[in-house]
C-alpha atoms as a PDB file:
ATOM      1  CA  MET A   1       0.000   0.000   0.000  1.00  0.00           C
ATOM      2  CA  ARG A   2       1.459   3.347  -0.972  1.00  0.00           C
ATOM      3  CA  ARG A   3       1.738   6.427   1.233  1.00  0.00           C
ATOM      4  CA  VAL A   4      -1.597   8.104   1.702  1.00  0.00           C
ATOM      5  CA  LEU A   5      -2.465  11.743   1.211  1.00  0.00           C
ATOM      6  CA  LEU A   6      -1.909  13.735   4.376  1.00  0.00           C
ATOM      7  CA  PRO A   7      -3.424  15.321   6.317  1.00  0.00           C
ATOM      8  CA  SER A   8      -6.687  14.033   4.831  1.00  0.00           C
ATOM      9  CA  LEU A   9      -6.282  10.336   5.660  1.00  0.00           C
ATOM     10  CA  ALA A  10      -4.607  11.030   8.990  1.00  0.00           C
ATOM     11  CA  LEU A  11      -7.662  13.114   9.834  1.00  0.00           C
ATOM     12  CA  LEU A  12      -9.883  10.328   8.510  1.00  0.00           C
ATOM     13  CA  THR A  13      -8.194   7.728  10.725  1.00  0.00           C
ATOM     14  CA  LEU A  14      -8.637   9.936  13.776  1.00  0.00           C
ATOM     15  CA  THR A  15     -12.206  10.708  12.786  1.00  0.00           C
ATOM     16  CA  LEU A  16     -13.164   7.050  12.431  1.00  0.00           C
ATOM     17  CA  ALA A  17     -11.711   6.212  15.811  1.00  0.00           C
ATOM     18  CA  ALA A  18     -13.130   9.295  17.500  1.00  0.00           C
ATOM     19  CA  SER A  19     -16.595   8.836  16.074  1.00  0.00           C
ATOM     20  CA  ALA A  20     -16.644   5.320  17.499  1.00  0.00           C
ATOM     21  CA  GLN A  21     -16.755   6.950  20.918  1.00  0.00           C
ATOM     22  CA  ALA A  22     -19.703   9.168  19.994  1.00  0.00           C
ATOM     23  CA  GLU A  23     -22.206   6.383  20.510  1.00  0.00           C
ATOM     24  CA  ASN A  24     -25.278   8.575  20.375  1.00  0.00           C
ATOM     25  CA  GLU A  25     -24.129  10.937  17.633  1.00  0.00           C
ATOM     26  CA  ARG A  26     -24.569   9.251  14.287  1.00  0.00           C
ATOM     27  CA  GLU A  27     -23.400  12.064  12.020  1.00  0.00           C
ATOM     28  CA  ARG A  28     -21.020  11.720   9.105  1.00  0.00           C
ATOM     29  CA  PRO A  29     -17.807  13.525  10.155  1.00  0.00           C
ATOM     30  CA  TRP A  30     -16.345  13.210   6.636  1.00  0.00           C
ATOM     31  CA  PRO A  31     -17.283  14.764   3.267  1.00  0.00           C
ATOM     32  CA  ASP A  32     -20.375  13.322   1.602  1.00  0.00           C
ATOM     33  CA  GLU A  33     -18.393  12.322  -1.490  1.00  0.00           C
ATOM     34  CA  TRP A  34     -16.145   9.943   0.439  1.00  0.00           C
ATOM     35  CA  PRO A  35     -17.281   6.286   0.038  1.00  0.00           C
ATOM     36  CA  ILE A  36     -17.845   5.722   3.743  1.00  0.00           C
ATOM     37  CA  VAL A  37     -21.023   4.820   5.594  1.00  0.00           C
ATOM     38  CA  LEU A  38     -21.944   4.927   9.258  1.00  0.00           C
ATOM     39  CA  PRO A  39     -22.049   1.652  11.222  1.00  0.00           C
ATOM     40  CA  PRO A  40     -25.344  -0.153  10.543  1.00  0.00           C
ATOM     41  CA  ILE A  41     -26.292  -0.289  14.202  1.00  0.00           C
ATOM     42  CA  GLU A  42     -28.335   1.653  16.723  1.00  0.00           C
ATOM     43  CA  GLY A  43     -26.868   2.516  20.095  1.00  0.00           C
ATOM     44  CA  PRO A  44     -23.347   1.808  21.335  1.00  0.00           C
ATOM     45  CA  LEU A  45     -20.852  -0.035  19.192  1.00  0.00           C
ATOM     46  CA  PRO A  46     -20.304  -3.660  20.265  1.00  0.00           C
ATOM     47  CA  PRO A  47     -17.052  -5.096  21.596  1.00  0.00           C
ATOM     48  CA  ALA A  48     -15.076  -7.497  19.475  1.00  0.00           C
ATOM     49  CA  PRO A  49     -16.449 -11.046  19.649  1.00  0.00           C
ATOM     50  CA  PRO A  50     -14.375 -13.605  21.568  1.00  0.00           C
ATOM     51  CA  PRO A  51     -11.493 -15.270  19.730  1.00  0.00           C
ATOM     52  CA  ALA A  52     -12.439 -17.986  17.280  1.00  0.00           C
ATOM     53  CA  PRO A  53     -11.561 -21.577  18.156  1.00  0.00           C
ATOM     54  CA  GLU A  54      -8.342 -22.725  16.548  1.00  0.00           C
ATOM     55  CA  THR A  55      -9.161 -23.527  12.936  1.00  0.00           C
ATOM     56  CA  PRO A  56      -6.920 -25.333  10.446  1.00  0.00           C
ATOM     57  CA  ALA A  57      -5.824 -23.661   7.233  1.00  0.00           C
ATOM     58  CA  GLY A  58      -7.767 -24.403   4.077  1.00  0.00           C
ATOM     59  CA  SER A  59      -4.808 -25.912   2.189  1.00  0.00           C
ATOM     60  CA  ARG A  60      -1.281 -27.211   2.711  1.00  0.00           C
ATOM     61  CA  ALA A  61       0.115 -23.999   1.247  1.00  0.00           C
ATOM     62  CA  GLY A  62      -2.138 -22.005   3.564  1.00  0.00           C
ATOM     63  CA  ALA A  63      -0.736 -23.928   6.524  1.00  0.00           C
ATOM     64  CA  ARG A  64       2.771 -22.953   5.426  1.00  0.00           C
ATOM     65  CA  VAL A  65       1.637 -19.323   5.247  1.00  0.00           C
ATOM     66  CA  VAL A  66       0.415 -19.531   8.843  1.00  0.00           C
ATOM     67  CA  GLU A  67       3.762 -21.019   9.890  1.00  0.00           C
ATOM     68  CA  GLU A  68       5.683 -18.228   8.146  1.00  0.00           C
ATOM     69  CA  ILE A  69       3.566 -15.551   9.822  1.00  0.00           C
ATOM     70  CA  GLU A  70       4.062 -17.123  13.234  1.00  0.00           C
ATOM     71  CA  ALA A  71       7.831 -17.297  12.656  1.00  0.00           C
ATOM     72  CA  LEU A  72       7.761 -13.650  11.582  1.00  0.00           C
ATOM     73  CA  ARG A  73       5.770 -12.659  14.667  1.00  0.00           C
ATOM     74  CA  ARG A  74       8.296 -14.362  16.944  1.00  0.00           C
ATOM     75  CA  ASN A  75      11.327 -12.918  15.153  1.00  0.00           C
ATOM     76  CA  VAL A  76      10.343  -9.292  14.584  1.00  0.00           C
ATOM     77  CA  ARG A  77      12.319  -6.770  16.646  1.00  0.00           C
ATOM     78  CA  GLN A  78      12.090  -3.688  14.434  1.00  0.00           C
ATOM     79  CA  THR A  79       9.366  -2.937  11.933  1.00  0.00           C
ATOM     80  CA  ARG A  80       8.287   0.102   9.969  1.00  0.00           C
ATOM     81  CA  TYR A  81       5.808   0.960   7.256  1.00  0.00           C
ATOM     82  CA  GLN A  82       7.587   2.086   4.085  1.00  0.00           C
ATOM     83  CA  HIS A  83       7.384   1.502   0.344  1.00  0.00           C
ATOM     84  CA  HIS A  84      10.614  -0.378  -0.232  1.00  0.00           C
ATOM     85  CA  ARG A  85      11.447  -3.655   1.424  1.00  0.00           C
ATOM     86  CA  VAL A  86      14.257  -4.012   3.933  1.00  0.00           C
ATOM     87  CA  VAL A  87      14.363  -7.429   5.625  1.00  0.00           C
ATOM     88  CA  ARG A  88      17.223  -8.548   7.862  1.00  0.00           C
ATOM     89  CA  GLU A  89      16.062 -11.704   9.557  1.00  0.00           C
ATOM     90  CA  ARG A  90      19.165 -12.038  11.705  1.00  0.00           C
ATOM     91  CA  THR A  91      18.365  -8.772  13.479  1.00  0.00           C
ATOM     92  CA  GLY A  92      14.575  -9.104  13.253  1.00  0.00           C
ATOM     93  CA  THR A  93      14.252  -6.054  10.977  1.00  0.00           C
ATOM     94  CA  TYR A  94      11.210  -5.829   8.687  1.00  0.00           C
ATOM     95  CA  TYR A  95      10.524  -2.553   6.860  1.00  0.00           C
ATOM     96  CA  TRP A  96       7.824  -2.782   4.187  1.00  0.00           C
ATOM     97  CA  ASP A  97       4.242  -2.078   3.172  1.00  0.00           C
ATOM     98  CA  CYS A  98       1.266  -4.435   2.836  1.00  0.00           C
ATOM     99  CA  SER A  99       1.895  -5.860  -0.621  1.00  0.00           C
ATOM    100  CA  LEU A 100       5.651  -6.209  -0.087  1.00  0.00           C
ATOM    101  CA  MET A 101       4.948  -8.207   3.062  1.00  0.00           C
ATOM    102  CA  VAL A 102       2.383 -10.452   1.362  1.00  0.00           C
ATOM    103  CA  HIS A 103       4.718 -11.100  -1.584  1.00  0.00           C
ATOM    104  CA  TRP A 104       7.629 -11.929   0.754  1.00  0.00           C
ATOM    105  CA  VAL A 105       5.572 -14.447   2.741  1.00  0.00           C
ATOM    106  CA  LEU A 106       4.169 -16.091  -0.392  1.00  0.00           C
ATOM    107  CA  GLU A 107       7.635 -16.356  -1.957  1.00  0.00           C
ATOM    108  CA  ARG A 108       8.597 -18.520   0.995  1.00  0.00           C
ATOM    109  CA  ALA A 109       5.377 -20.436   1.615  1.00  0.00           C
ATOM    110  CA  ALA A 110       3.702 -20.732  -1.807  1.00  0.00           C
ATOM    111  CA  ARG A 111       6.132 -19.662  -4.515  1.00  0.00           C
ATOM    112  CA  ARG A 112       3.878 -20.802  -7.341  1.00  0.00           C
ATOM    113  CA  SER A 113       1.250 -18.241  -6.293  1.00  0.00           C
ATOM    114  CA  VAL A 114       3.545 -15.279  -7.080  1.00  0.00           C
ATOM    115  CA  HIS A 115       5.331 -16.698 -10.122  1.00  0.00           C
ATOM    116  CA  HIS A 116       3.096 -14.672 -12.466  1.00  0.00           C
ATOM    117  CA  LEU A 117       4.238 -11.465 -10.727  1.00  0.00           C
ATOM    118  CA  ARG A 118       7.933 -12.096 -11.338  1.00  0.00           C
ATOM    119  CA  ASN A 119       8.331  -9.463 -14.082  1.00  0.00           C
ATOM    120  CA  LEU A 120       6.818  -6.620 -12.069  1.00  0.00           C
ATOM    121  CA  GLN A 121       9.072  -4.026 -10.552  1.00  0.00           C
ATOM    122  CA  ARG A 122       7.107  -4.696  -7.392  1.00  0.00           C
ATOM    123  CA  ALA A 123       3.721  -6.190  -6.526  1.00  0.00           C
ATOM    124  CA  ARG A 124       0.991  -3.853  -5.294  1.00  0.00           C
ATOM    125  CA  ALA A 125      -2.334  -4.479  -3.613  1.00  0.00           C
ATOM    126  CA  GLU A 126      -4.178  -4.098  -6.916  1.00  0.00           C
ATOM    127  CA  HIS A 127      -2.179  -7.013  -8.358  1.00  0.00           C
ATOM    128  CA  PHE A 128      -3.412  -9.320  -5.595  1.00  0.00           C
ATOM    129  CA  VAL A 129      -6.973  -8.080  -6.116  1.00  0.00           C
ATOM    130  CA  ARG A 130      -6.713  -8.867  -9.829  1.00  0.00           C
ATOM    131  CA  THR A 131      -5.147 -12.271  -9.137  1.00  0.00           C
ATOM    132  CA  ILE A 132      -7.980 -13.284  -6.816  1.00  0.00           C
ATOM    133  CA  GLU A 133     -10.644 -11.931  -9.187  1.00  0.00           C
ATOM    134  CA  ARG A 134      -9.314 -14.154 -11.983  1.00  0.00           C
ATOM    135  CA  ALA A 135      -9.002 -17.287  -9.847  1.00  0.00           C
ATOM    136  CA  PRO A 136     -11.643 -20.037 -10.141  1.00  0.00           C
ATOM    137  CA  THR A 137     -13.795 -21.001  -7.183  1.00  0.00           C
ATOM    138  CA  ASP A 138     -13.782 -24.792  -7.653  1.00  0.00           C
ATOM    139  CA  THR A 139     -10.094 -25.543  -8.279  1.00  0.00           C
ATOM    140  CA  TYR A 140      -6.631 -23.947  -8.200  1.00  0.00           C
ATOM    141  CA  ARG A 141      -5.140 -22.049 -11.121  1.00  0.00           C
ATOM    142  CA  ARG A 142      -1.691 -20.456 -10.946  1.00  0.00           C
ATOM    143  CA  GLY A 143      -1.717 -21.503  -7.304  1.00  0.00           C
ATOM    144  CA  TRP A 144      -4.918 -19.596  -6.430  1.00  0.00           C
ATOM    145  CA  ARG A 145      -8.535 -20.325  -5.669  1.00  0.00           C
ATOM    146  CA  ARG A 146     -11.127 -17.621  -4.945  1.00  0.00           C
ATOM    147  CA  ILE A 147     -13.205 -17.985  -1.784  1.00  0.00           C
ATOM    148  CA  GLU A 148     -16.589 -16.422  -2.416  1.00  0.00           C
ATOM    149  CA  ARG A 149     -18.233 -16.594   1.022  1.00  0.00           C
ATOM    150  CA  ILE A 150     -16.602 -15.088   4.079  1.00  0.00           C
ATOM    151  CA  GLN A 151     -17.955 -18.005   6.127  1.00  0.00           C
ATOM    152  CA  ASP A 152     -15.565 -20.278   4.184  1.00  0.00           C
ATOM    153  CA  VAL A 153     -12.436 -18.186   4.806  1.00  0.00           C
ATOM    154  CA  ARG A 154      -9.708 -19.917   6.813  1.00  0.00           C
ATOM    155  CA  PRO A 155      -6.318 -19.032   8.340  1.00  0.00           C
ATOM    156  CA  GLY A 156      -3.641 -18.575   5.679  1.00  0.00           C
ATOM    157  CA  ASP A 157      -6.070 -17.081   3.138  1.00  0.00           C
ATOM    158  CA  VAL A 158      -5.265 -13.732   1.527  1.00  0.00           C
ATOM    159  CA  PHE A 159      -7.609 -10.753   1.709  1.00  0.00           C
ATOM    160  CA  ALA A 160      -7.399  -7.794  -0.666  1.00  0.00           C
ATOM    161  CA  TRP A 161      -9.407  -4.768  -1.729  1.00  0.00           C
ATOM    162  CA  ARG A 162      -9.066  -1.909  -4.194  1.00  0.00           C
ATOM    163  CA  ARG A 163      -9.057   1.717  -3.161  1.00  0.00           C
ATOM    164  CA  PRO A 164     -12.569   2.869  -4.010  1.00  0.00           C
ATOM    165  CA  ARG A 165     -13.082   5.909  -6.202  1.00  0.00           C
ATOM    166  CA  GLY A 166     -13.323   9.052  -4.125  1.00  0.00           C
ATOM    167  CA  PHE A 167     -11.314   7.692  -1.183  1.00  0.00           C
ATOM    168  CA  PRO A 168      -8.625  10.219  -0.120  1.00  0.00           C
ATOM    169  CA  SER A 169      -5.532   8.124  -0.782  1.00  0.00           C
ATOM    170  CA  ARG A 170      -2.889   7.405  -3.404  1.00  0.00           C
ATOM    171  CA  ASN A 171      -2.735   3.721  -2.550  1.00  0.00           C
ATOM    172  CA  THR A 172      -4.057   1.005  -4.849  1.00  0.00           C
ATOM    173  CA  GLY A 173      -5.787  -0.832  -2.021  1.00  0.00           C
ATOM    174  CA  HIS A 174      -4.747  -3.074   0.829  1.00  0.00           C
ATOM    175  CA  THR A 175      -3.858  -6.733   1.313  1.00  0.00           C
ATOM    176  CA  GLY A 176      -2.821  -9.116   4.059  1.00  0.00           C
ATOM    177  CA  PHE A 177      -3.435 -12.544   5.565  1.00  0.00           C
ATOM    178  CA  VAL A 178      -6.295 -14.017   7.553  1.00  0.00           C
ATOM    179  CA  ILE A 179      -5.003 -15.701  10.709  1.00  0.00           C
ATOM    180  CA  GLY A 180      -8.279 -16.536  12.445  1.00  0.00           C
ATOM    181  CA  ALA A 181     -11.633 -17.774  11.214  1.00  0.00           C
ATOM    182  CA  PRO A 182     -14.226 -14.993  10.734  1.00  0.00           C
ATOM    183  CA  ARG A 183     -16.538 -14.444  13.725  1.00  0.00           C
ATOM    184  CA  PRO A 184     -20.050 -12.951  13.485  1.00  0.00           C
ATOM    185  CA  VAL A 185     -20.337  -9.560  15.188  1.00  0.00           C
ATOM    186  CA  PRO A 186     -23.265  -9.287  17.608  1.00  0.00           C
ATOM    187  CA  ARG A 187     -25.911  -6.713  16.688  1.00  0.00           C
ATOM    188  CA  ILE A 188     -24.371  -5.785  13.316  1.00  0.00           C
ATOM    189  CA  PRO A 189     -26.169  -7.773  10.600  1.00  0.00           C
ATOM    190  CA  HIS A 190     -23.942  -9.800   8.254  1.00  0.00           C
ATOM    191  CA  ALA A 191     -20.756  -8.422   9.886  1.00  0.00           C
ATOM    192  CA  TYR A 192     -17.680 -10.520  10.633  1.00  0.00           C
ATOM    193  CA  ALA A 193     -14.622  -9.758  12.738  1.00  0.00           C
ATOM    194  CA  VAL A 194     -11.444 -11.190  11.236  1.00  0.00           C
ATOM    195  CA  ARG A 195      -8.038 -11.403  12.858  1.00  0.00           C
ATOM    196  CA  VAL A 196      -5.429 -10.456  10.242  1.00  0.00           C
ATOM    197  CA  ALA A 197      -1.691 -10.037   9.782  1.00  0.00           C
ATOM    198  CA  ASP A 198      -0.615  -7.131   7.595  1.00  0.00           C
ATOM    199  CA  ALA A 199       1.776  -4.201   7.222  1.00  0.00           C
ATOM    200  CA  THR A 200       0.296  -0.755   7.616  1.00  0.00           C
ATOM    201  CA  GLY A 201       0.937   2.687   9.012  1.00  0.00           C
ATOM    202  CA  SER A 202      -2.022   2.668  11.418  1.00  0.00           C
ATOM    203  CA  ARG A 203      -3.498   0.230  13.888  1.00  0.00           C
ATOM    204  CA  HIS A 204      -6.558  -1.998  13.795  1.00  0.00           C
ATOM    205  CA  GLN A 205      -8.564  -3.135  16.815  1.00  0.00           C
ATOM    206  CA  ASP A 206      -6.572  -5.064  19.456  1.00  0.00           C
ATOM    207  CA  ASP A 207      -3.414  -4.462  17.461  1.00  0.00           C
ATOM    208  CA  THR A 208       0.095  -5.679  18.266  1.00  0.00           C
ATOM    209  CA  ARG A 209       1.748  -2.570  16.782  1.00  0.00           C
ATOM    210  CA  PRO A 210       2.798   0.030  19.365  1.00  0.00           C
ATOM    211  CA  TRP A 211       1.137   3.429  19.228  1.00  0.00           C
ATOM    212  CA  PRO A 212       2.454   5.947  18.627  1.00  0.00           C
ATOM    213  CA  GLY A 213       4.870   4.183  16.328  1.00  0.00           C
ATOM    214  CA  GLU A 214       6.035   3.698  12.761  1.00  0.00           C
ATOM    215  CA  GLY A 215       3.630   0.936  11.822  1.00  0.00           C
ATOM    216  CA  GLY A 216       4.911  -2.016   9.831  1.00  0.00           C
ATOM    217  CA  PHE A 217       4.125  -5.665  10.495  1.00  0.00           C
ATOM    218  CA  GLY A 218       1.441  -6.440  13.036  1.00  0.00           C
ATOM    219  CA  ILE A 219      -1.690  -8.367  13.878  1.00  0.00           C
ATOM    220  CA  GLY A 220      -5.097  -6.818  14.508  1.00  0.00           C
ATOM    221  CA  THR A 221      -8.823  -7.146  13.923  1.00  0.00           C
ATOM    222  CA  LEU A 222     -10.814  -5.844  10.965  1.00  0.00           C
ATOM    223  CA  VAL A 223     -14.571  -6.033  10.515  1.00  0.00           C
ATOM    224  CA  PHE A 224     -16.084  -6.810   7.122  1.00  0.00           C
ATOM    225  CA  LEU A 225     -19.698  -6.131   6.250  1.00  0.00           C
ATOM    226  CA  THR A 226     -21.230  -8.588   3.792  1.00  0.00           C
ATOM    227  CA  ASP A 227     -24.335  -8.975   1.692  1.00  0.00           C
ATOM    228  CA  GLY A 228     -26.806 -11.737   2.390  1.00  0.00           C
ATOM    229  CA  ASP A 229     -24.688 -14.237   0.415  1.00  0.00           C
ATOM    230  CA  GLY A 230     -21.445 -13.736   2.343  1.00  0.00           C
ATOM    231  CA  HIS A 231     -19.672 -11.453  -0.157  1.00  0.00           C
ATOM    232  CA  GLY A 232     -17.562  -8.725   1.459  1.00  0.00           C
ATOM    233  CA  THR A 233     -18.879  -5.228   0.695  1.00  0.00           C
ATOM    234  CA  HIS A 234     -17.285  -2.860   3.263  1.00  0.00           C
ATOM    235  CA  TYR A 235     -14.395  -2.818   5.713  1.00  0.00           C
ATOM    236  CA  GLY A 236     -14.077  -1.306   9.169  1.00  0.00           C
ATOM    237  CA  TRP A 237     -10.417  -0.476   9.778  1.00  0.00           C
ATOM    238  CA  ALA A 238     -10.796  -0.276  13.561  1.00  0.00           C
ATOM    239  CA  GLY A 239     -12.810  -3.465  13.923  1.00  0.00           C
ATOM    240  CA  THR A 240     -16.023  -3.188  15.905  1.00  0.00           C
ATOM    241  CA  ARG A 241     -14.909   0.266  17.107  1.00  0.00           C
ATOM    242  CA  SER A 242     -14.956   1.651  13.562  1.00  0.00           C
ATOM    243  CA  GLY A 243     -16.952   4.858  13.294  1.00  0.00           C
ATOM    244  CA  GLY A 244     -17.352   4.326   9.558  1.00  0.00           C
ATOM    245  CA  TYR A 245     -17.128   1.559   6.968  1.00  0.00           C
ATOM    246  CA  VAL A 246     -15.433   2.039   3.610  1.00  0.00           C
ATOM    247  CA  VAL A 247     -17.438   0.779   0.644  1.00  0.00           C
ATOM    248  CA  THR A 248     -15.413  -1.524  -1.628  1.00  0.00           C
ATOM    249  CA  PRO A 249     -15.600  -5.227  -2.562  1.00  0.00           C
ATOM    250  CA  ILE A 250     -13.500  -7.434  -0.279  1.00  0.00           C
ATOM    251  CA  LEU A 251     -11.852 -10.428  -1.949  1.00  0.00           C
ATOM    252  CA  PHE A 252     -10.467 -13.585  -0.371  1.00  0.00           C
ATOM    253  CA  GLY A 253      -8.082 -15.982  -2.067  1.00  0.00           C
ATOM    254  CA  ARG A 254      -6.571 -19.298  -1.020  1.00  0.00           C
ATOM    255  CA  VAL A 255      -3.123 -20.374  -2.160  1.00  0.00           C
ATOM    256  CA  GLY A 256      -2.569 -24.033  -2.854  1.00  0.00           C
ATOM    257  CA  PRO A 257      -2.875 -26.815  -3.215  1.00  0.00           C
END
């Protein structure tokens, strides 16, 4: 994910978090043209649901992804969000953005899944969106299978979305890994809390990144709104505490077999 426009997105991040505290004031604190909606709930915002039971990955390659992320979590000593990759495993140094992190993990855990990206100067979030869009749902092609329903998402799967038109950012979207099975959010219809691993400049709910800090690799909770068929339609960056949900299709892909 590329550097965002400031101060607009910094203000947006603060606004989303701050508006989550204004439980009885459901006003849009952002311009009408921004593709963001208020939480579809009356009254106070709910807490995050309890952790999901341990769930196996959906494929052997997905299991290797989970192992790589756990090894990364144990090894990281210094991390920072930036748009060129600096990885020194011996010192636990990981400087990168979301798509650089995803590409690095997949190179190690599921090399076939990134072979088609080998001629790019660097992979971006939009490339993972396009890869998942083109993947079949009933088999693997180029090492990918698309998961249509959020209820079927498993640890080790990749999530990705495009930056929607009108959103105040220069990025192409965002991508990362699912590390816990989606959990229904009480009182928000068709909403699911998902524990994820990603690289970003700002925190999610229950995030492992220190704040204030420089971002980078971490683990936190997002909330995805879905339609009645389980397709992701919005994301809440701050999990159940999100004061607004950004409107954009959410895609999930499984590497394998």
